[in-house]
Protein backbone atom coordinates (compact mmCIF):
# COMPACT_ATOMS: atom_id res chain seq x y z
CA MET A 1 -23.67 -40.48 29.43
CA THR A 2 -23.17 -37.55 31.76
CA SER A 3 -26.37 -35.54 32.22
CA GLY A 4 -26.50 -32.40 30.05
CA VAL A 5 -23.56 -33.42 27.85
CA LEU A 6 -24.06 -34.30 24.21
CA HIS A 7 -21.74 -36.73 22.44
CA VAL A 8 -21.77 -35.67 18.79
CA ALA A 9 -20.52 -38.24 16.28
CA LEU A 10 -18.60 -37.24 13.15
CA ASP A 11 -19.07 -39.00 9.82
CA GLN A 12 -15.33 -38.56 9.29
CA PRO A 13 -12.58 -36.41 10.77
CA PHE A 14 -11.46 -33.21 9.08
CA ALA A 15 -8.17 -33.67 7.26
CA ASP A 16 -7.08 -30.02 7.07
CA GLN A 17 -6.72 -28.95 10.69
CA LYS A 18 -2.94 -28.82 10.99
CA PRO A 19 -1.98 -25.73 13.03
CA GLY A 20 0.76 -23.46 11.79
CA THR A 21 3.06 -21.30 13.87
CA SER A 22 0.09 -19.10 14.78
CA GLY A 23 -2.60 -21.73 15.19
CA LEU A 24 -5.24 -22.82 12.71
CA ARG A 25 -6.27 -20.21 10.15
CA LYS A 26 -9.02 -20.86 7.61
CA SER A 27 -11.76 -18.89 5.92
CA SER A 28 -14.70 -17.80 8.04
CA ARG A 29 -16.90 -19.96 5.83
CA GLN A 30 -14.79 -23.01 6.58
CA PHE A 31 -15.08 -22.44 10.33
CA GLU A 32 -18.86 -22.22 9.87
CA THR A 33 -18.93 -25.69 8.34
CA PRO A 34 -20.92 -27.92 10.73
CA HIS A 35 -18.65 -29.48 13.39
CA TYR A 36 -15.47 -27.83 12.03
CA LEU A 37 -14.79 -25.45 14.93
CA GLU A 38 -15.99 -28.01 17.47
CA SER A 39 -13.63 -30.67 16.12
CA PHE A 40 -10.57 -28.48 16.53
CA ILE A 41 -11.60 -27.33 20.02
CA GLU A 42 -12.19 -30.97 20.98
CA ALA A 43 -8.65 -31.81 19.88
CA ILE A 44 -7.29 -28.94 21.98
CA LEU A 45 -9.20 -29.98 25.09
CA ARG A 46 -8.07 -33.59 24.71
CA THR A 47 -4.42 -32.61 24.23
CA VAL A 48 -3.58 -29.72 26.55
CA PRO A 49 -2.48 -31.04 29.97
CA GLY A 50 -4.54 -30.11 33.04
CA VAL A 51 -7.80 -29.22 31.30
CA ALA A 52 -10.05 -31.10 33.73
CA GLY A 53 -10.32 -29.00 36.88
CA GLY A 54 -8.23 -26.22 35.34
CA THR A 55 -8.75 -22.64 34.17
CA LEU A 56 -9.01 -21.48 30.57
CA VAL A 57 -8.62 -17.91 29.27
CA VAL A 58 -10.63 -17.28 26.09
CA GLY A 59 -10.96 -14.19 23.90
CA GLY A 60 -10.15 -12.80 20.50
CA ASP A 61 -9.64 -9.84 18.21
CA GLY A 62 -13.36 -9.16 17.66
CA ARG A 63 -13.53 -10.44 14.10
CA TYR A 64 -16.62 -12.12 12.62
CA GLY A 65 -17.24 -15.42 14.43
CA ASN A 66 -15.54 -14.35 17.66
CA ARG A 67 -18.60 -14.33 19.93
CA ARG A 68 -20.04 -17.55 18.51
CA ALA A 69 -16.73 -19.33 19.04
CA ILE A 70 -16.50 -18.19 22.68
CA GLY A 71 -19.95 -19.66 23.30
CA VAL A 72 -18.95 -22.95 21.69
CA ILE A 73 -15.73 -23.13 23.70
CA ALA A 74 -17.60 -22.46 26.95
CA ARG A 75 -20.06 -25.28 26.28
CA MET A 76 -17.27 -27.68 25.34
CA ALA A 77 -15.12 -26.64 28.30
CA ALA A 78 -18.03 -27.46 30.62
CA ALA A 79 -18.37 -30.87 28.99
CA HIS A 80 -14.67 -31.56 29.55
CA GLY A 81 -14.66 -30.70 33.24
CA VAL A 82 -12.92 -27.31 33.09
CA ALA A 83 -13.47 -25.62 36.43
CA ARG A 84 -13.19 -21.96 35.40
CA LEU A 85 -13.36 -20.01 32.17
CA ILE A 86 -12.23 -16.38 32.02
CA THR A 87 -13.33 -14.28 29.06
CA THR A 88 -13.80 -10.57 28.43
CA THR A 89 -16.47 -8.01 27.68
CA GLY A 90 -17.28 -8.21 24.00
CA GLY A 91 -14.87 -11.13 23.77
CA ILE A 92 -12.15 -8.54 23.03
CA LEU A 93 -8.73 -9.72 24.17
CA SER A 94 -5.37 -8.98 22.56
CA THR A 95 -2.75 -11.69 22.41
CA PRO A 96 -0.35 -9.87 24.81
CA ALA A 97 -3.23 -9.24 27.25
CA ALA A 98 -4.22 -12.91 27.03
CA SER A 99 -0.66 -13.91 27.90
CA ASN A 100 -0.82 -11.70 30.98
CA LEU A 101 -4.18 -13.12 32.10
CA ILE A 102 -2.96 -16.71 31.68
CA ARG A 103 0.00 -16.10 33.95
CA LYS A 104 -1.86 -13.92 36.45
CA HIS A 105 -4.65 -16.47 37.00
CA GLY A 106 -2.51 -19.59 36.77
CA ALA A 107 -4.52 -20.82 33.81
CA THR A 108 -3.89 -24.16 32.17
CA ALA A 109 -4.00 -22.53 28.75
CA GLY A 110 -5.51 -19.79 26.67
CA ILE A 111 -7.51 -20.09 23.46
CA ILE A 112 -7.12 -16.97 21.33
CA LEU A 113 -9.51 -16.40 18.45
CA SER A 114 -7.70 -14.53 15.70
CA ALA A 115 -6.34 -14.85 12.20
CA SER A 116 -3.84 -12.10 13.04
CA HIS A 117 -3.42 -9.66 10.15
CA ASN A 118 -5.77 -11.54 7.78
CA PRO A 119 -8.99 -9.75 6.76
CA GLY A 120 -12.17 -10.48 8.74
CA GLY A 121 -15.88 -10.71 8.04
CA PRO A 122 -18.03 -13.47 6.51
CA ASP A 123 -15.78 -13.48 3.44
CA GLY A 124 -12.57 -13.08 5.43
CA ASP A 125 -10.62 -15.41 7.68
CA PHE A 126 -10.90 -16.81 11.20
CA GLY A 127 -8.36 -18.50 13.41
CA VAL A 128 -7.80 -20.38 16.67
CA LYS A 129 -4.48 -20.54 18.48
CA VAL A 130 -3.40 -21.98 21.81
CA ASN A 131 -1.12 -20.44 24.42
CA GLY A 132 0.38 -22.54 27.18
CA ALA A 133 0.46 -22.05 30.93
CA ASN A 134 3.53 -19.80 30.57
CA GLY A 135 1.49 -17.39 28.45
CA GLY A 136 3.47 -18.09 25.30
CA PRO A 137 2.43 -19.91 22.12
CA ALA A 138 1.98 -23.65 22.50
CA PRO A 139 5.15 -25.53 21.52
CA GLU A 140 5.25 -27.63 18.38
CA SER A 141 4.94 -30.82 20.42
CA ILE A 142 1.48 -29.65 21.54
CA THR A 143 0.30 -28.41 18.15
CA ASP A 144 1.50 -31.63 16.50
CA ALA A 145 -0.41 -33.64 19.11
CA ILE A 146 -3.54 -31.54 18.50
CA TYR A 147 -3.28 -32.23 14.78
CA ALA A 148 -2.84 -35.97 15.42
CA VAL A 149 -6.09 -35.99 17.40
CA THR A 150 -7.98 -34.24 14.59
CA GLN A 151 -6.86 -36.94 12.16
CA SER A 152 -8.69 -39.71 13.99
CA LEU A 153 -11.45 -37.82 15.78
CA ALA A 154 -14.74 -39.72 15.85
CA GLY A 155 -16.78 -37.13 17.74
CA TYR A 156 -16.84 -34.39 20.35
CA ARG A 157 -18.49 -33.50 23.65
CA ILE A 158 -20.52 -30.35 24.20
CA THR A 159 -22.90 -29.21 26.92
CA GLU A 160 -26.53 -28.63 26.02
CA GLY A 161 -27.69 -25.02 26.19
CA GLY A 162 -25.54 -22.09 27.24
CA SER A 163 -25.22 -20.71 23.71
CA ASP A 164 -26.33 -17.20 24.73
CA LEU A 165 -23.28 -16.21 26.76
CA ASP A 166 -23.68 -12.61 27.92
CA LEU A 167 -20.49 -10.68 27.16
CA SER A 168 -22.02 -7.21 27.37
CA ALA A 169 -20.64 -6.41 30.84
CA PRO A 170 -18.38 -7.88 33.53
CA GLY A 171 -20.08 -10.55 35.62
CA HIS A 172 -20.20 -14.16 36.70
CA GLY A 173 -22.16 -17.12 35.39
CA GLN A 174 -22.25 -20.87 35.55
CA LEU A 175 -22.72 -23.65 33.01
CA GLY A 176 -22.99 -26.99 34.73
CA ASP A 177 -19.98 -27.10 37.03
CA LEU A 178 -18.10 -24.54 34.96
CA GLN A 179 -17.66 -21.12 36.55
CA ILE A 180 -17.64 -18.40 33.89
CA GLU A 181 -16.10 -15.04 34.65
CA VAL A 182 -16.48 -12.10 32.25
CA ILE A 183 -13.97 -9.36 33.02
CA ASP A 184 -12.89 -6.05 31.51
CA GLY A 185 -10.15 -7.20 29.17
CA VAL A 186 -8.24 -3.92 29.41
CA ASP A 187 -7.91 -3.48 33.19
CA ASP A 188 -5.26 -6.11 33.94
CA TYR A 189 -3.19 -5.19 30.90
CA VAL A 190 -3.18 -1.51 31.86
CA ALA A 191 -2.11 -2.43 35.40
CA LEU A 192 0.79 -4.45 33.98
CA MET A 193 1.89 -1.59 31.72
CA GLN A 194 1.87 0.79 34.69
CA LYS A 195 4.28 -1.53 36.49
CA LEU A 196 6.60 -1.81 33.51
CA PHE A 197 6.77 1.80 32.30
CA ASP A 198 6.98 5.27 33.81
CA PHE A 199 3.55 6.68 32.92
CA ASP A 200 4.31 10.01 34.57
CA ALA A 201 7.38 10.55 32.39
CA ILE A 202 5.52 9.55 29.23
CA ALA A 203 2.60 11.84 30.10
CA GLU A 204 5.04 14.70 30.62
CA LEU A 205 6.53 14.01 27.19
CA LEU A 206 3.11 14.13 25.55
CA ARG A 207 2.36 17.47 27.22
CA ASN A 208 5.46 19.03 25.65
CA ASP A 209 4.74 19.23 21.94
CA PHE A 210 4.90 15.53 21.17
CA PRO A 211 1.83 14.85 18.98
CA LEU A 212 1.25 11.20 18.15
CA ALA A 213 -1.08 9.13 15.99
CA PHE A 214 -2.03 5.52 16.66
CA ASP A 215 -3.97 3.45 14.12
CA ALA A 216 -5.79 0.51 15.74
CA MET A 217 -7.09 -0.53 12.30
CA HIS A 218 -10.54 -1.31 13.78
CA ALA A 219 -8.94 -4.32 15.47
CA VAL A 220 -8.34 -5.42 19.04
CA THR A 221 -5.94 -2.72 20.26
CA GLY A 222 -8.39 0.18 20.02
CA PRO A 223 -9.80 -0.10 23.56
CA TYR A 224 -6.30 -0.57 25.02
CA ALA A 225 -4.88 2.41 23.15
CA LYS A 226 -7.77 4.70 24.05
CA ARG A 227 -7.51 3.82 27.73
CA ILE A 228 -3.73 4.19 27.89
CA LEU A 229 -2.85 6.90 25.38
CA GLU A 230 -5.85 9.21 25.61
CA GLY A 231 -7.17 8.25 29.04
CA LEU A 232 -4.10 7.82 31.25
CA LEU A 233 -1.31 9.56 29.36
CA GLY A 234 -3.33 12.56 28.25
CA ALA A 235 -2.90 12.39 24.49
CA PRO A 236 -5.52 14.56 22.74
CA ALA A 237 -8.84 12.95 21.81
CA GLY A 238 -8.55 11.58 18.31
CA SER A 239 -4.95 10.50 18.71
CA VAL A 240 -6.24 6.93 18.44
CA ARG A 241 -7.69 6.34 15.00
CA ASN A 242 -9.99 3.52 13.92
CA GLY A 243 -10.24 2.56 17.58
CA THR A 244 -13.53 0.63 17.58
CA PRO A 245 -13.09 -3.12 16.94
CA LEU A 246 -15.30 -4.23 14.03
CA GLU A 247 -16.08 -7.73 12.80
CA ASP A 248 -14.71 -6.93 9.35
CA PHE A 249 -12.12 -4.36 10.51
CA GLY A 250 -14.10 -1.70 8.70
CA GLY A 251 -13.47 -3.45 5.40
CA GLY A 252 -9.74 -3.00 5.87
CA HIS A 253 -6.78 -5.32 6.21
CA PRO A 254 -5.36 -5.22 9.77
CA ASP A 255 -1.76 -5.57 8.67
CA PRO A 256 0.38 -2.69 10.02
CA ASN A 257 2.53 -1.80 7.06
CA LEU A 258 2.96 0.99 4.58
CA THR A 259 0.35 -0.48 2.25
CA TYR A 260 -2.56 -1.07 4.62
CA ALA A 261 -1.78 1.70 7.11
CA ASP A 262 -1.00 4.14 4.32
CA GLU A 263 -2.98 7.02 5.85
CA LEU A 264 -0.87 6.82 9.00
CA ALA A 265 2.28 6.54 6.91
CA GLU A 266 1.33 9.66 4.97
CA LEU A 267 0.80 11.58 8.22
CA LEU A 268 4.28 10.72 9.49
CA LEU A 269 6.34 10.46 6.33
CA GLY A 270 4.68 13.21 4.36
CA SER A 271 4.36 15.97 6.94
CA ASP A 272 5.78 17.35 10.17
CA ALA A 273 2.47 17.30 12.06
CA TYR A 274 3.31 14.27 14.24
CA ARG A 275 6.37 13.15 16.18
CA PHE A 276 5.38 9.51 16.61
CA GLY A 277 3.08 7.04 14.89
CA ALA A 278 2.20 3.39 15.38
CA ALA A 279 -0.23 0.76 14.15
CA CYS A 280 -0.99 -2.77 15.32
CA ASP A 281 -2.27 -5.91 13.62
CA GLY A 282 -5.53 -7.75 14.28
CA ASP A 283 -4.63 -9.38 17.60
CA GLY A 284 -2.13 -6.77 18.79
CA ASP A 285 1.14 -8.69 18.78
CA ARG A 286 2.79 -6.95 15.81
CA ASN A 287 3.29 -3.29 15.08
CA MET A 288 4.65 -0.67 12.74
CA ILE A 289 6.53 2.28 14.23
CA LEU A 290 7.06 5.61 12.53
CA GLY A 291 8.81 8.81 13.49
CA ARG A 292 8.59 12.22 11.90
CA ARG A 293 9.63 11.45 8.31
CA CYS A 294 11.19 8.24 9.60
CA PHE A 295 10.19 4.62 9.06
CA VAL A 296 11.50 2.24 11.72
CA ASN A 297 12.61 -0.98 10.11
CA PRO A 298 10.30 -3.72 11.54
CA SER A 299 13.08 -6.29 11.70
CA ASP A 300 15.10 -3.97 13.94
CA SER A 301 12.37 -3.38 16.52
CA LEU A 302 13.79 -5.94 18.94
CA ALA A 303 17.22 -4.33 18.71
CA VAL A 304 15.78 -0.88 19.43
CA LEU A 305 13.84 -2.20 22.43
CA THR A 306 16.90 -4.04 23.72
CA ALA A 307 19.14 -1.01 23.34
CA ASN A 308 16.76 1.17 25.35
CA ALA A 309 15.31 -1.38 27.78
CA THR A 310 16.92 0.07 30.90
CA LEU A 311 14.92 3.29 30.45
CA ALA A 312 11.82 1.37 31.55
CA PRO A 313 11.57 0.92 35.35
CA ALA A 314 10.85 -2.79 35.11
CA TYR A 315 14.08 -3.39 33.17
CA ALA A 316 16.29 -0.79 34.84
CA LYS A 317 18.71 -3.50 35.97
CA GLY A 318 19.06 -4.86 32.46
CA LEU A 319 17.74 -7.82 30.54
CA ALA A 320 18.68 -11.42 31.14
CA GLY A 321 18.25 -12.05 27.43
CA VAL A 322 15.98 -11.67 24.43
CA ALA A 323 14.60 -14.20 21.96
CA ARG A 324 14.24 -13.43 18.30
CA SER A 325 12.24 -15.05 15.53
CA MET A 326 12.83 -15.54 11.82
CA PRO A 327 12.03 -11.96 10.71
CA THR A 328 14.22 -10.37 13.39
CA SER A 329 17.47 -8.91 12.11
CA ALA A 330 20.81 -9.53 13.73
CA ALA A 331 20.94 -5.87 14.75
CA VAL A 332 20.17 -7.15 18.24
CA ASP A 333 23.54 -8.93 18.11
CA VAL A 334 25.17 -5.55 17.60
CA VAL A 335 23.39 -4.28 20.70
CA ALA A 336 24.48 -7.29 22.68
CA GLY A 337 28.04 -6.96 21.46
CA VAL A 338 27.99 -10.32 19.70
CA VAL A 339 28.62 -8.82 16.28
CA PRO A 340 31.38 -6.20 16.06
CA ASP A 341 30.33 -2.68 15.15
CA VAL A 342 31.11 -2.29 11.43
CA GLY A 343 30.88 1.48 11.58
CA ALA A 344 34.20 3.28 11.40
CA ASP A 345 32.67 6.74 11.30
CA GLY A 346 31.24 6.72 14.80
CA VAL A 347 27.61 6.45 13.66
CA PRO A 348 25.75 3.74 15.62
CA PRO A 349 24.60 0.74 13.55
CA LEU A 350 21.07 1.38 14.82
CA ALA A 351 20.86 4.83 13.27
CA PRO A 352 17.42 5.86 11.94
CA ALA A 353 16.29 4.08 8.81
CA ARG A 354 16.30 7.32 6.81
CA TYR A 355 19.61 9.13 6.68
CA ALA A 356 19.96 12.77 5.75
CA ASP A 357 20.92 11.84 2.18
CA SER A 358 18.03 9.34 1.90
CA VAL A 359 20.35 6.36 1.66
CA LEU A 360 19.61 3.09 3.46
CA LEU A 361 22.31 0.47 3.69
CA ILE A 362 21.48 -3.08 4.67
CA VAL A 363 23.67 -6.18 4.62
CA TYR A 364 22.00 -9.34 3.30
CA SER A 365 23.12 -12.92 2.79
CA GLY A 366 20.84 -13.91 -0.06
CA LEU A 367 20.48 -11.15 -2.63
CA GLU A 368 21.64 -11.87 -6.15
CA LYS A 369 20.62 -8.62 -7.78
CA VAL A 370 17.88 -6.05 -7.90
CA ILE A 371 15.98 -5.78 -11.17
CA SER A 372 13.41 -3.42 -12.60
CA ALA A 373 9.85 -4.36 -13.46
CA THR A 374 10.69 -4.28 -17.18
CA GLU A 375 13.13 -7.15 -16.70
CA MET A 376 10.53 -9.42 -15.17
CA SER A 377 9.65 -10.89 -18.56
CA ARG A 378 13.26 -11.84 -19.18
CA PRO A 379 14.39 -13.78 -16.07
CA SER A 380 18.04 -14.69 -16.06
CA ALA A 381 19.01 -18.31 -16.45
CA GLY A 382 18.89 -20.38 -13.30
CA VAL A 383 16.78 -17.93 -11.32
CA ASP A 384 13.50 -19.20 -9.89
CA THR A 385 10.80 -16.73 -10.92
CA ALA A 386 8.70 -17.90 -7.97
CA SER A 387 11.11 -16.10 -5.68
CA THR A 388 10.32 -12.72 -7.21
CA VAL A 389 8.89 -10.07 -4.88
CA ASN A 390 6.81 -7.24 -6.36
CA VAL A 391 6.51 -3.91 -4.60
CA GLY A 392 3.23 -2.35 -5.74
CA VAL A 393 3.58 1.16 -4.40
CA ASP A 394 1.54 2.45 -7.30
CA SER A 395 0.42 1.01 -10.62
CA ASP A 396 2.56 3.30 -12.74
CA SER A 397 5.96 2.54 -11.29
CA PRO A 398 6.22 -0.87 -9.60
CA VAL A 399 9.60 -2.00 -8.36
CA ALA A 400 10.66 -5.63 -8.12
CA LEU A 401 13.54 -7.60 -6.71
CA ARG A 402 14.63 -11.20 -7.05
CA VAL A 403 16.51 -13.30 -4.52
CA THR A 404 18.29 -16.61 -4.79
CA ASP A 405 17.60 -19.48 -2.44
CA ASN A 406 21.19 -20.55 -1.86
CA PHE A 407 21.92 -17.65 0.52
CA ALA A 408 25.40 -17.25 -0.89
CA ALA A 409 27.07 -14.04 0.17
CA MET A 410 27.08 -11.22 -2.34
CA SER A 411 30.39 -10.52 -3.98
CA GLU A 412 29.75 -6.83 -4.61
CA SER A 413 27.47 -4.02 -3.57
CA VAL A 414 24.36 -3.09 -5.52
CA VAL A 415 22.96 0.42 -5.89
CA VAL A 416 19.24 0.85 -6.54
CA ASP A 417 17.75 4.20 -7.51
CA LEU A 418 14.08 4.38 -6.54
CA PRO A 419 11.68 6.86 -8.14
CA SER A 420 10.36 8.36 -4.91
CA GLU A 421 10.69 8.44 -1.15
CA LYS A 422 7.49 6.39 -0.90
CA HIS A 423 9.13 3.64 -2.94
CA PHE A 424 12.17 3.92 -0.68
CA PHE A 425 10.22 3.11 2.49
CA ALA A 426 8.08 0.44 0.82
CA MET A 427 11.13 -1.35 -0.55
CA ALA A 428 12.78 -1.24 2.87
CA GLU A 429 9.78 -2.94 4.43
CA VAL A 430 9.40 -5.62 1.76
CA MET A 431 13.08 -6.50 1.74
CA ASN A 432 13.01 -7.09 5.46
CA ALA A 433 9.82 -9.13 5.22
CA PHE A 434 11.10 -11.52 2.57
CA MET A 435 14.80 -11.87 3.24
CA GLU A 436 17.03 -12.22 6.24
CA PRO A 437 18.84 -9.00 7.07
CA LEU A 438 22.02 -9.40 9.05
CA PHE A 439 22.28 -5.92 10.48
CA ARG A 440 21.91 -2.29 9.51
CA VAL A 441 25.19 -0.59 8.75
CA THR A 442 26.45 2.92 8.19
CA PRO A 443 27.96 4.32 4.99
CA SER A 444 31.38 3.23 6.27
CA ALA A 445 30.43 -0.35 5.47
CA LEU A 446 31.14 0.33 1.82
CA LYS A 447 34.66 1.39 2.81
CA CYS A 448 35.04 -1.82 4.81
CA GLY A 449 34.31 -3.95 1.75
CA VAL A 450 31.08 -5.38 3.15
CA PRO A 451 28.64 -6.20 0.30
CA CYS A 452 25.60 -3.96 0.67
CA ILE A 453 22.35 -3.06 -0.95
CA VAL A 454 22.12 0.69 -1.29
CA MET A 455 18.57 1.97 -1.73
CA ARG A 456 18.45 5.60 -2.73
CA SER A 457 15.50 7.86 -3.39
CA SER A 458 15.50 11.13 -5.24
């Protein structure tokens, strides 16, 4: 046995460590089960190519269990012959910043400690996900191989000692042959942003009556937002709200939507005090964008970015391409010219989500009908009640909709009158979260005979 390395035997492997699309997410209590975290890290270190002699980037969103997990990973990395481990002060590292560090330092992989938008704390959730050498999420072939290892794992290796890893300030340390580097997790990300975007132009905008509000939700993006928005771009102090990462996210739910970021939504949708608002999830790779009395449809974010990409210096010559995921609407196809513009009235398909007459038109390929809450007790024949989505804007007037699972095209348009503007925006968000929008269209779509859902608030 190698000196200083413990070989810990397991009575039996854990059967529930199959990673999903965003790694392994379980309750914090489950990750505190003896050997549970160590078993999954062991499977990662046995599976990812180039671990021995390589570099690992490790950090997380600051939730409960984050610091302990970094210490465990450091001890196990040393036992597996990793040459260098890069982590951050406080262990705070957003997923986009981790991707940058992986690529900048030529790391073999990154281990990101986050359960994304899930609640944190002892009674919340914890998660572990792996990014590859390209900075992106590990492909399914790797996560499947990790799971296969967990199914037959008989034990794990971990270095003795080293549990008190000092993350209070940047510095260097050593654990066996492992070199440990603690860096400021914000510095490199800020430097990257300054290369990509015109900070001078943005700062000038903020100086000219452009008040903004950013809700970090007591998650990982607070330090980044404070440094960039208030520090470098000159936004007034207090523009960043809930900016201190907390282990339980301040008792909140770090999911940037109209339900959990309702205070931000009220600032933007209910008043004229701010021109721009944004919120991010636990690990900083999802967001909600708001304008003055305008909710930006989350599924259209990629299309908006693509349409305006050349305004950023780094993309002035255009984009080679973009990749979309399941929740991303086909509005980006309109931008790319793949889908013909359905608008005959000259209004761009990517017009703001809220029109002057408070009507939102969206084309879907799976909606059967929209029903009221009172109809929920009388489901129509052949409709699976499990596919019902409830929109709980308030307890007095919930709105619900039901979708079919055959994704047959609608034969006619449906008009839905919602009791308030708040319901209007909430319904827009939920519909895009649970169904597949094809693209946003203008009122002319009704004239073109395209089946639409019309959501209208009084």
